[in-house]
Amino acid sequence: MTLNPSRIQFFEKLAPYYDLLLDFLTLGGYATFLRKAITILSPKQGEKILDLCSGTGRAVSWIADGVGSEGKVIGMDLSKNMIEVARHRYGKSRNSIFLLQDVTQSWGYQNYFDGILNSFSLHELPEKYRRNVLEQSYLALKERGRLVIADFNPQVSGWARLLSLLFFKLFEKRNLNFFDFHQNETLNRIGFKRTKTVSVLGGVLQITLAYKHSIHLG
């Protein structure tokens, strides 16, 4: 178990109300941001897609519409209650699977997925596991598969950085080291190429798209 136990307990308690609460607090901005990330991921009919730290499964359900009945979407999350909520809401879909999984441990997939979505989870991971998760993403993707990361911008600057730091000091104090994480540089060293980033909310948030190419991990 890699997350702080109190943080895990927080998500366990919040699971049934998670989407509703975030939609209320962000005036619908959270859902809009996720949909934008999925649009950039661009799931296609028949594809296999992985949603890391999939929470209540809402993004999985949207991706499932894109891959159709011949495709498959797998959601992974460490929270038992999040997985239970996801299975209750979307488990009847034949092309969606929800797995209770610590994403910092081996997933057992290689060259399997056409795309991977990582939304608002990279900053939650302990510093030493962030590269590990990106490396596992690289290995799990097919050649020319794509990774989309939708999260806070670790290289944010100016007023947006001040706003981000204030938010983290109030609500994410354990993860302040995320702003020392050189995400795109790490992606390139692992082997991802054609990395593109879209800034959202003045640079506070960002969506990153990167493609797998067959070179050795650096």
Foldseek 3Di string as FASTA:
>chain_A
DFFDPVVLVVLLVCQVCVVVVVCVVVVNVVVVLLVVLVVVLQQAAQFEEEEEQCFQVPSVVVSCVHNDPNYAYEYEHQHPNRQVNNCVVPVVRPRYYYDNDDLLDQPPAFQGGLEYEYEACLLRGDPVSNLSSLLNVLRRHHAFRKYKYKHFQLCDDDPLVVVLLVVCVVPVVNRNCSNVDPVVVSNVQQAWDPKDKDADPNRRIIMIMTTHHDDHRD
